[in-house]
Protein backbone atom coordinates (compact mmCIF):
# COMPACT_ATOMS: atom_id res chain seq x y z
CA UNK A 1 -3.37 -16.69 -2.01
CA UNK A 2 -5.62 -16.51 1.08
CA UNK A 3 -5.48 -15.05 4.58
CA UNK A 4 -3.89 -18.16 6.09
CA UNK A 5 -0.64 -17.03 4.43
CA UNK A 6 -0.44 -14.15 6.94
CA UNK A 7 -0.35 -16.66 9.79
CA UNK A 8 2.16 -18.90 8.03
CA UNK A 9 4.56 -15.99 7.51
CA UNK A 10 4.31 -14.79 11.12
CA UNK A 11 4.72 -18.29 12.58
CA UNK A 12 7.61 -19.19 10.31
CA UNK A 13 9.12 -15.77 11.02
CA UNK A 14 8.92 -16.41 14.77
CA UNK A 15 10.76 -19.72 14.34
CA UNK A 16 13.34 -18.22 11.97
CA UNK A 17 13.96 -15.34 14.40
CA UNK A 18 14.33 -17.76 17.28
CA UNK A 19 17.09 -19.67 15.50
CA UNK A 20 18.77 -16.70 13.80
CA UNK A 21 20.92 -15.76 16.78
CA UNK A 22 21.01 -12.50 18.71
CA UNK A 23 23.05 -10.68 16.05
CA UNK A 24 20.44 -11.07 13.32
CA UNK A 25 17.25 -11.50 15.33
CA UNK A 26 15.95 -7.93 15.08
CA UNK A 27 16.60 -7.73 11.33
CA UNK A 28 15.01 -11.12 10.62
CA UNK A 29 11.96 -10.23 12.71
CA UNK A 30 11.62 -6.88 10.96
CA UNK A 31 11.86 -8.54 7.54
CA UNK A 32 9.21 -11.18 8.25
CA UNK A 33 6.84 -8.71 9.92
CA UNK A 34 7.18 -6.34 6.96
CA UNK A 35 6.44 -9.17 4.52
CA UNK A 36 3.38 -10.11 6.60
CA UNK A 37 2.12 -6.53 6.36
CA UNK A 38 2.75 -6.49 2.61
CA UNK A 39 0.73 -9.69 2.17
CA UNK A 40 -2.09 -8.31 4.34
CA UNK A 41 -2.16 -5.07 2.35
CA UNK A 42 -2.22 -7.02 -0.93
CA UNK A 43 -5.05 -9.25 0.30
CA UNK A 44 -6.97 -6.14 1.35
CA UNK A 45 -6.49 -4.73 -2.15
CA UNK A 46 -7.70 -8.04 -3.57
CA UNK A 47 -10.73 -7.85 -1.28
CA UNK A 48 -11.86 -4.77 -3.22
CA UNK A 49 -11.08 -6.16 -6.68
CA UNK A 50 -12.04 -9.88 -6.82
CA UNK A 51 -15.49 -11.38 -7.15
CA UNK A 52 -16.91 -12.86 -3.95
CA UNK A 53 -13.79 -11.94 -1.92
CA UNK A 54 -14.98 -13.48 1.36
CA UNK A 55 -14.96 -16.91 -0.29
CA UNK A 56 -11.96 -16.37 -2.56
CA UNK A 57 -9.60 -15.10 0.15
CA UNK A 58 -10.78 -17.29 3.05
CA UNK A 59 -9.35 -20.66 4.07
CA UNK A 60 -11.40 -23.59 5.35
CA UNK A 61 -10.34 -27.14 6.18
CA UNK A 62 -11.65 -29.73 8.63
CA UNK A 63 -9.28 -30.07 11.58
CA UNK A 64 -10.98 -32.19 14.27
CA UNK A 65 -13.95 -34.45 13.54
CA UNK A 66 -15.26 -34.80 17.10
CA UNK A 67 -15.78 -32.24 18.45
CA UNK A 68 -16.20 -30.64 15.05
CA UNK A 69 -13.52 -27.96 14.71
CA UNK A 70 -12.76 -26.29 11.39
CA UNK A 71 -9.59 -24.43 10.43
CA UNK A 72 -11.62 -21.54 9.07
CA UNK A 73 -9.89 -18.21 8.57
CA UNK A 74 -12.33 -15.72 7.11
CA UNK A 75 -11.48 -12.68 5.01
CA UNK A 76 -14.12 -10.05 5.61
CA UNK A 77 -13.81 -6.31 6.08
CA UNK A 78 -13.68 -6.45 9.88
CA UNK A 79 -11.09 -9.23 10.17
CA UNK A 80 -8.89 -7.72 7.45
CA UNK A 81 -8.97 -4.30 9.14
CA UNK A 82 -7.79 -5.85 12.41
CA UNK A 83 -5.18 -7.97 10.62
CA UNK A 84 -3.91 -4.78 9.00
CA UNK A 85 -3.60 -3.16 12.42
CA UNK A 86 -1.64 -6.14 13.72
CA UNK A 87 0.74 -6.52 10.79
CA UNK A 88 1.27 -2.77 10.38
CA UNK A 89 2.12 -2.14 14.03
CA UNK A 90 4.32 -5.22 14.51
CA UNK A 91 7.25 -4.01 12.32
CA UNK A 92 6.95 -0.53 13.86
CA UNK A 93 7.11 -2.01 17.38
CA UNK A 94 10.13 -4.08 16.36
CA UNK A 95 11.76 -0.97 14.88
CA UNK A 96 11.25 0.98 18.12
CA UNK A 97 13.21 -1.69 20.01
CA UNK A 98 16.37 -1.48 17.90
CA UNK A 99 18.11 0.88 20.34
CA UNK A 100 17.49 -1.34 23.37
CA UNK A 101 20.33 -3.61 24.47
CA UNK A 102 18.20 -6.62 25.32
CA UNK A 103 19.75 -9.93 26.40
CA UNK A 104 18.52 -12.98 24.48
CA UNK A 105 17.35 -10.93 21.51
CA UNK A 106 16.42 -13.97 19.44
CA UNK A 107 13.91 -15.05 22.09
CA UNK A 108 12.58 -11.51 22.54
CA UNK A 109 11.88 -10.82 18.86
CA UNK A 110 10.70 -14.38 18.27
CA UNK A 111 8.09 -13.92 21.00
CA UNK A 112 6.94 -10.66 19.43
CA UNK A 113 6.31 -12.40 16.09
CA UNK A 114 4.64 -15.35 17.81
CA UNK A 115 2.33 -12.94 19.63
CA UNK A 116 1.51 -11.22 16.34
CA UNK A 117 0.71 -14.66 14.91
CA UNK A 118 -1.66 -15.42 17.80
CA UNK A 119 -3.39 -12.03 17.63
CA UNK A 120 -3.83 -12.21 13.85
CA UNK A 121 -5.27 -15.71 14.28
CA UNK A 122 -7.76 -14.37 16.82
CA UNK A 123 -8.97 -11.74 14.35
CA UNK A 124 -9.20 -14.10 11.38
CA UNK A 125 -10.75 -17.17 13.03
CA UNK A 126 -14.34 -17.99 12.10
CA UNK A 127 -14.51 -21.12 14.28
CA UNK A 128 -15.16 -20.34 17.95
CA UNK A 129 -12.88 -23.05 19.32
CA UNK A 130 -10.07 -22.01 16.98
CA UNK A 131 -10.62 -18.41 18.02
CA UNK A 132 -10.32 -19.43 21.68
CA UNK A 133 -7.02 -21.25 21.03
CA UNK A 134 -5.47 -18.18 19.41
CA UNK A 135 -6.93 -15.96 22.16
CA UNK A 136 -5.13 -18.00 24.81
CA UNK A 137 -1.94 -18.41 22.77
CA UNK A 138 -1.46 -14.64 22.77
CA UNK A 139 -1.08 -14.72 26.58
CA UNK A 140 2.05 -16.87 26.51
CA UNK A 141 4.47 -14.53 24.69
CA UNK A 142 3.37 -11.37 26.49
CA UNK A 143 3.75 -13.14 29.84
CA UNK A 144 7.40 -13.96 29.10
CA UNK A 145 8.12 -10.61 27.41
CA UNK A 146 6.91 -8.68 30.45
CA UNK A 147 8.44 -11.06 32.98
CA UNK A 148 11.89 -11.49 31.45
CA UNK A 149 12.54 -8.10 29.84
CA UNK A 150 10.46 -5.77 32.00
CA UNK A 151 11.83 -3.06 34.27
CA UNK A 152 11.66 -2.13 37.94
CA UNK A 153 11.92 -4.42 40.92
CA UNK A 154 11.91 -8.07 39.79
CA UNK A 155 9.58 -9.25 42.56
CA UNK A 156 7.04 -6.49 41.93
CA UNK A 157 7.20 -7.16 38.20
CA UNK A 158 6.59 -10.85 38.77
CA UNK A 159 3.54 -10.13 40.94
CA UNK A 160 2.07 -7.73 38.35
CA UNK A 161 2.61 -10.11 35.43
CA UNK A 162 1.28 -13.18 37.27
CA UNK A 163 -1.80 -11.21 38.35
CA UNK A 164 -2.42 -10.21 34.72
CA UNK A 165 -1.99 -13.79 33.52
CA UNK A 166 -4.29 -15.29 36.15
CA UNK A 167 -6.98 -12.61 35.65
CA UNK A 168 -7.10 -12.97 31.89
CA UNK A 169 -6.77 -16.75 31.86
CA UNK A 170 -9.51 -17.22 34.47
CA UNK A 171 -11.86 -14.88 32.63
CA UNK A 172 -11.24 -16.71 29.38
CA UNK A 173 -12.28 -20.03 30.92
CA UNK A 174 -15.82 -18.68 31.30
CA UNK A 175 -15.79 -17.83 27.60
CA UNK A 176 -14.67 -21.39 26.79
CA UNK A 177 -17.55 -22.80 28.86
CA UNK A 178 -19.93 -20.57 26.92
CA UNK A 179 -18.60 -21.89 23.59
CA UNK A 180 -18.90 -25.49 24.79
CA UNK A 181 -22.48 -24.96 25.95
CA UNK A 182 -23.55 -23.47 22.63
CA UNK A 183 -21.74 -26.23 20.74
CA UNK A 184 -23.89 -28.77 22.54
CA UNK A 185 -26.93 -26.97 21.14
CA UNK A 186 -25.71 -26.48 17.58
CA UNK A 187 -23.06 -29.16 16.98
CA UNK A 188 -20.75 -26.51 15.52
CA UNK A 189 -18.32 -23.81 16.64
CA UNK A 190 -18.71 -21.82 13.39
CA UNK A 191 -19.78 -18.24 14.00
CA UNK A 192 -22.89 -18.30 11.81
CA UNK A 193 -24.19 -21.42 13.58
CA UNK A 194 -23.46 -19.91 17.00
CA UNK A 195 -25.42 -16.81 16.02
CA UNK A 196 -28.43 -19.03 15.34
CA UNK A 197 -28.30 -21.05 18.56
CA UNK A 198 -31.74 -19.66 19.62
CA UNK A 199 -30.94 -19.45 23.32
CA UNK A 200 -33.62 -18.66 25.88
CA UNK A 201 -33.45 -15.57 28.08
CA UNK A 202 -31.57 -17.22 30.95
CA UNK A 203 -29.10 -18.92 28.62
CA UNK A 204 -28.43 -15.65 26.80
CA UNK A 205 -27.80 -13.87 30.09
CA UNK A 206 -25.25 -16.44 31.23
CA UNK A 207 -23.54 -16.60 27.83
CA UNK A 208 -23.39 -12.80 27.55
CA UNK A 209 -21.93 -12.42 31.05
CA UNK A 210 -19.38 -15.18 30.43
CA UNK A 211 -18.13 -13.34 27.34
CA UNK A 212 -18.31 -10.01 29.15
CA UNK A 213 -16.04 -11.22 31.94
CA UNK A 214 -13.36 -12.34 29.48
CA UNK A 215 -13.55 -9.12 27.48
CA UNK A 216 -13.89 -6.72 30.42
CA UNK A 217 -10.65 -8.03 31.92
CA UNK A 218 -8.76 -7.82 28.62
CA UNK A 219 -9.94 -4.32 27.58
CA UNK A 220 -10.07 -3.53 30.62
CA UNK A 221 -13.42 -2.14 31.81
CA UNK A 222 -13.81 -1.02 35.44
CA UNK A 223 -13.77 -2.68 37.94
CA UNK A 224 -11.62 -5.26 36.10
CA UNK A 225 -8.80 -2.81 35.33
CA UNK A 226 -6.59 -3.24 38.40
CA UNK A 227 -3.88 -5.20 36.54
CA UNK A 228 -3.40 -2.69 33.74
CA UNK A 229 -1.30 0.23 34.99
CA UNK A 230 1.28 -1.89 36.81
CA UNK A 231 1.79 -4.23 33.85
CA UNK A 232 2.04 -1.31 31.40
CA UNK A 233 4.63 0.29 33.68
CA UNK A 234 6.67 -2.85 34.37
CA UNK A 235 6.65 -4.34 30.85
CA UNK A 236 9.32 -3.31 28.34
CA UNK A 237 8.15 -0.68 25.87
CA UNK A 238 7.56 -3.25 23.12
CA UNK A 239 5.39 -5.31 25.47
CA UNK A 240 3.36 -2.27 26.49
CA UNK A 241 2.87 -1.36 22.83
CA UNK A 242 1.71 -4.88 21.99
CA UNK A 243 -0.72 -4.84 24.93
CA UNK A 244 -2.18 -1.40 24.37
CA UNK A 245 -1.84 -1.14 20.60
CA UNK A 246 -3.16 -4.55 19.55
CA UNK A 247 -3.97 -7.04 22.31
CA UNK A 248 -6.76 -5.11 24.01
CA UNK A 249 -8.35 -4.66 20.56
CA UNK A 250 -8.93 -8.42 20.54
CA UNK A 251 -11.62 -7.96 23.19
CA UNK A 252 -13.19 -4.89 21.57
CA UNK A 253 -13.28 -6.71 18.24
CA UNK A 254 -14.82 -9.76 19.95
CA UNK A 255 -17.71 -7.76 21.39
CA UNK A 256 -18.80 -6.99 17.83
CA UNK A 257 -17.84 -10.32 16.29
CA UNK A 258 -18.95 -12.81 18.95
CA UNK A 259 -20.73 -11.45 22.02
CA UNK A 260 -23.47 -9.27 20.55
CA UNK A 261 -24.56 -11.58 17.67
CA UNK A 262 -24.67 -14.61 20.00
CA UNK A 263 -26.70 -12.93 22.78
CA UNK A 264 -28.60 -10.11 21.02
CA UNK A 265 -31.78 -10.13 23.15
CA UNK A 266 -29.96 -9.71 26.45
CA UNK A 267 -27.61 -7.15 24.90
CA UNK A 268 -30.53 -5.07 23.64
CA UNK A 269 -32.51 -5.31 26.89
CA UNK A 270 -29.64 -4.27 29.17
CA UNK A 271 -27.46 -2.26 26.81
CA UNK A 272 -27.82 0.96 28.80
CA UNK A 273 -26.27 -0.70 31.85
CA UNK A 274 -23.20 -1.77 29.91
CA UNK A 275 -22.94 1.53 28.05
CA UNK A 276 -23.12 3.36 31.39
CA UNK A 277 -20.41 1.08 32.84
CA UNK A 278 -18.13 1.80 29.90
CA UNK A 279 -18.81 5.55 30.05
CA UNK A 280 -18.05 5.47 33.78
CA UNK A 281 -14.71 3.96 32.82
CA UNK A 282 -14.08 6.96 30.57
CA UNK A 283 -14.46 9.35 33.48
CA UNK A 284 -12.67 7.10 35.98
CA UNK A 285 -9.70 6.59 33.67
CA UNK A 286 -9.46 10.31 33.00
CA UNK A 287 -9.51 11.16 36.71
CA UNK A 288 -6.80 8.60 37.43
CA UNK A 289 -4.72 9.99 34.56
CA UNK A 290 -5.01 13.47 36.06
CA UNK A 291 -3.46 12.24 39.31
CA UNK A 292 -0.46 10.40 37.85
CA UNK A 293 3.13 11.47 38.35
CA UNK A 294 4.53 8.52 36.35
CA UNK A 295 4.49 9.03 32.57
CA UNK A 296 3.74 5.42 31.59
CA UNK A 297 0.96 5.14 34.19
CA UNK A 298 -0.58 8.37 32.90
CA UNK A 299 -0.64 6.95 29.37
CA UNK A 300 -2.06 3.66 30.70
CA UNK A 301 -5.02 5.37 32.34
CA UNK A 302 -5.49 7.59 29.30
CA UNK A 303 -5.79 4.39 27.25
CA UNK A 304 -8.35 3.08 29.76
CA UNK A 305 -10.49 6.16 29.17
CA UNK A 306 -10.31 5.94 25.39
CA UNK A 307 -11.10 2.24 25.10
CA UNK A 308 -14.02 2.70 27.48
CA UNK A 309 -15.57 4.99 24.89
CA UNK A 310 -14.92 2.41 22.16
CA UNK A 311 -16.68 -0.32 24.15
CA UNK A 312 -19.60 2.02 24.89
CA UNK A 313 -20.05 2.71 21.18
CA UNK A 314 -20.01 -0.99 20.37
CA UNK A 315 -22.74 -1.71 22.92
CA UNK A 316 -25.09 0.81 21.25
CA UNK A 317 -25.53 -1.84 18.52
CA UNK A 318 -25.81 0.76 15.77
CA UNK A 319 -23.85 1.04 12.54
CA UNK A 320 -22.28 4.29 13.74
CA UNK A 321 -21.31 2.64 17.03
CA UNK A 322 -19.77 -0.39 15.34
CA UNK A 323 -17.98 1.62 12.66
CA UNK A 324 -16.79 4.26 15.12
CA UNK A 325 -15.49 1.50 17.40
CA UNK A 326 -13.49 -0.13 14.58
CA UNK A 327 -12.06 3.16 13.31
CA UNK A 328 -11.12 4.22 16.82
CA UNK A 329 -9.51 0.85 17.49
CA UNK A 330 -7.27 1.42 14.48
CA UNK A 331 -6.51 5.04 15.37
CA UNK A 332 -5.92 4.32 19.04
CA UNK A 333 -3.57 1.48 18.14
CA UNK A 334 -1.25 3.81 16.24
CA UNK A 335 -1.41 6.79 18.59
CA UNK A 336 -0.87 4.78 21.78
CA UNK A 337 2.13 2.99 20.25
CA UNK A 338 3.53 6.40 19.30
CA UNK A 339 2.98 7.82 22.79
CA UNK A 340 4.55 4.86 24.57
CA UNK A 341 7.47 5.04 22.15
CA UNK A 342 7.94 8.70 23.06
CA UNK A 343 7.86 7.74 26.74
CA UNK A 344 10.45 5.03 26.04
CA UNK A 345 12.78 7.51 24.32
CA UNK A 346 12.53 9.88 27.31
CA UNK A 347 13.25 7.00 29.70
CA UNK A 348 16.28 5.96 27.64
CA UNK A 349 17.73 9.49 27.87
CA UNK A 350 16.72 10.41 31.44
CA UNK A 351 16.56 6.92 33.04
CA UNK A 352 13.29 7.81 34.75
CA UNK A 353 9.53 7.60 34.24
CA UNK A 354 8.74 10.33 36.79
CA UNK A 355 7.31 13.46 35.19
CA UNK A 356 8.79 15.67 37.92
CA UNK A 357 12.31 14.65 36.82
CA UNK A 358 11.72 15.79 33.24
CA UNK A 359 11.37 19.19 31.57
CA UNK A 360 13.26 21.39 29.15
CA UNK A 361 13.36 18.77 26.40
CA UNK A 362 11.89 21.05 23.71
CA UNK A 363 14.88 23.40 23.89
CA UNK A 364 17.26 20.59 22.90
CA UNK A 365 15.13 18.42 20.58
CA UNK A 366 12.91 20.36 18.17
CA UNK A 367 12.22 17.32 15.95
CA UNK A 368 11.25 15.00 18.81
CA UNK A 369 9.18 17.77 20.43
CA UNK A 370 7.23 18.40 17.23
CA UNK A 371 6.50 14.70 16.71
CA UNK A 372 5.47 14.23 20.32
CA UNK A 373 3.15 17.24 20.07
CA UNK A 374 1.42 15.80 16.99
CA UNK A 375 0.83 12.53 18.84
CA UNK A 376 -0.58 14.37 21.85
CA UNK A 377 -2.96 16.35 19.62
CA UNK A 378 -4.02 13.17 17.84
CA UNK A 379 -4.72 11.48 21.18
CA UNK A 380 -7.14 14.27 22.13
CA UNK A 381 -8.94 13.88 18.78
CA UNK A 382 -7.92 17.11 17.09
CA UNK A 383 -9.86 17.50 13.81
CA UNK A 384 -7.90 16.24 10.79
CA UNK A 385 -6.38 13.41 12.85
CA UNK A 386 -7.57 9.79 12.61
CA UNK A 387 -8.76 9.76 16.24
CA UNK A 388 -11.23 12.55 15.55
CA UNK A 389 -13.02 10.43 12.93
CA UNK A 390 -13.56 7.54 15.31
CA UNK A 391 -14.46 9.59 18.39
CA UNK A 392 -16.95 11.73 16.48
CA UNK A 393 -18.81 8.66 15.23
CA UNK A 394 -18.70 7.04 18.67
CA UNK A 395 -20.19 10.11 20.33
CA UNK A 396 -22.84 10.29 17.61
CA UNK A 397 -23.79 6.67 18.29
CA UNK A 398 -24.06 7.40 22.03
CA UNK A 399 -26.29 10.38 21.25
CA UNK A 400 -28.60 8.04 19.36
CA UNK A 401 -28.83 5.82 22.45
CA UNK A 402 -28.99 8.56 25.09
CA UNK A 403 -27.95 12.18 24.75
CA UNK A 404 -26.72 12.41 28.35
CA UNK A 405 -24.42 9.45 27.89
CA UNK A 406 -22.98 11.20 24.86
CA UNK A 407 -22.43 14.35 26.93
CA UNK A 408 -20.67 12.42 29.70
CA UNK A 409 -18.70 10.36 27.19
CA UNK A 410 -17.64 13.55 25.45
CA UNK A 411 -15.88 14.64 28.62
CA UNK A 412 -13.06 12.32 27.61
CA UNK A 413 -12.09 14.88 24.96
CA UNK A 414 -12.09 17.77 27.44
CA UNK A 415 -10.38 15.89 30.27
CA UNK A 416 -7.99 14.22 27.83
CA UNK A 417 -6.96 17.57 26.37
CA UNK A 418 -6.32 18.89 29.88
CA UNK A 419 -4.14 16.09 31.24
CA UNK A 420 -2.32 15.39 27.96
CA UNK A 421 -1.43 19.03 27.32
CA UNK A 422 -0.45 19.48 30.95
CA UNK A 423 1.75 16.40 30.66
CA UNK A 424 3.37 17.80 27.51
CA UNK A 425 4.02 21.08 29.29
CA UNK A 426 5.63 19.39 32.29
CA UNK A 427 7.71 16.94 30.26
CA UNK A 428 8.78 19.04 27.28
CA UNK A 429 8.78 22.69 28.36
CA UNK A 430 10.61 24.54 31.12
CA UNK A 431 14.29 25.25 31.71
CA UNK A 432 15.73 21.77 32.19
CA UNK A 433 19.50 21.63 31.94
CA UNK A 434 20.01 17.89 31.42
CA UNK A 435 21.37 16.76 28.05
CA UNK A 436 18.88 15.13 25.68
CA UNK A 437 19.82 13.85 22.23
CA UNK A 438 17.31 14.33 19.43
CA UNK A 439 15.75 11.36 17.66
CA UNK A 440 17.94 9.00 15.69
CA UNK A 441 17.16 8.02 12.10
CA UNK A 442 15.46 4.77 13.16
CA UNK A 443 13.42 6.52 15.86
CA UNK A 444 12.44 9.20 13.37
CA UNK A 445 11.31 6.62 10.79
CA UNK A 446 9.06 4.94 13.37
CA UNK A 447 7.50 8.27 14.33
CA UNK A 448 6.99 9.33 10.71
CA UNK A 449 5.21 6.07 9.86
CA UNK A 450 2.84 6.44 12.81
CA UNK A 451 2.13 10.11 12.21
CA UNK A 452 1.61 9.56 8.47
CA UNK A 453 -1.16 7.02 9.19
CA UNK A 454 -2.83 9.31 11.74
CA UNK A 455 -2.84 12.30 9.39
CA UNK A 456 -3.69 10.46 6.17
CA UNK A 457 -6.73 8.63 7.53
CA UNK A 458 -7.72 11.70 9.52
CA UNK A 459 -8.17 13.53 6.24
CA UNK A 460 -9.22 10.57 4.05
CA UNK A 461 -10.80 7.69 6.03
CA UNK A 462 -12.88 6.53 3.05
CA UNK A 463 -10.85 3.35 2.23
CA UNK A 464 -11.24 2.01 5.76
CA UNK A 465 -14.90 3.02 5.95
CA UNK A 466 -15.61 1.16 2.71
CA UNK A 467 -13.63 -1.84 3.95
CA UNK A 468 -15.49 -2.36 7.23
CA UNK A 469 -19.01 -1.04 6.57
CA UNK A 470 -20.41 -4.02 4.56
CA UNK A 471 -19.29 -6.54 7.19
CA UNK A 472 -20.64 -4.42 10.04
CA UNK A 473 -23.95 -4.05 8.22
CA UNK A 474 -24.08 -7.82 7.81
CA UNK A 475 -23.47 -8.37 11.53
CA UNK A 476 -26.15 -5.82 12.43
CA UNK A 477 -28.57 -7.61 10.12
CA UNK A 478 -27.93 -10.85 12.04
CA UNK A 479 -28.46 -9.07 15.33
CA UNK A 480 -31.71 -7.39 14.25
CA UNK A 481 -33.11 -10.65 12.86
CA UNK A 482 -32.21 -12.61 15.96
CA UNK A 483 -33.41 -10.11 18.51
């Protein structure tokens, strides 16, 4: 058994869901996604117990002779951690959609599994050209999910989704050109060979900026963020969860996996510029969140602030920065899915996203209110929650680079606590008189799964730390040798 089995299950599951019919589509998709998570968890267990796990659990086979492209799916700590995030969140996202009366359910759930397949392939690929194919494949399902099942005015939704597609596709073309250029130097797309391309200063600058454009749009980093809030608002809840919970992590992961090891000299020389840009995004996203009257837009800008801190930590090129970035990617994935699910439940009951039209929910729904409060506290990095572990290490890495950047970056905790608690007060408290049903069994199960992860790894992050640290140390060794 190797990591390619994860991709086989997700792809076959997408096809099976597609042809299962609307009556069975959600159940088939949930079954295949759960099996995919079980296989990923088992392979992660095997990673700790077998000899030479990176070789034993990886898959490699020649695909194209000229240009030389290898079907190489690598099982290391970093790729397995991100595969775990993908396969753990996918069944939860599917579960959260059970109450929605979607048309063409077979297509909807099939696209979710196909997107999970593409994202998992992005995380597991060790060949740069293969990685690029999966990177682009993930755009197709989310485009149709947002376009066909999104909310609001159809024309506005179309404009927002097309803008997102064009932005991300255009940025990715620069990344493809960078891969092709390096291939001409090395004769290989394999990551280790790309790391050793020995580019000159000008070449490194152009390669770094080509990757940065693709990643800055996907994360997004200011000023490339203009697509985000509208797409998050217009997309169906499942699409927003896929975008915020997993898809943007593809770019954060790629900074560590591809960009920094390929262009280490330029990254080291100008790292303070890119750290400052990311930290500025933290403040900018927080300020925009403070001004929002729409619940989903508030959560979108909150996400912008949090991922800005993750990117800043990655650009410090320290073990604490890398590890904090990975841990926060995992934590943010779960908490943002939980928050957008809570927003979806409120919209189902009240038929609105406007905060001013809410209030008084806590009086009628003690269970939902308690779960929502835990998610809010996790999002502001309360100690004993998973987010605290990642944010603490990220801020420590920024302090190693520059203490003032750490101070400014730390404002995300203060500002985040202010706008998130204020949002909770406006949405949940007060004397609202509108009826609001408490969570159903299925909704409660989804919340419990998310909260359990956030609390367990907030108290005991050791398994994940031990999983990712050796791989991150190995990448840092490459970077230090090359720079």
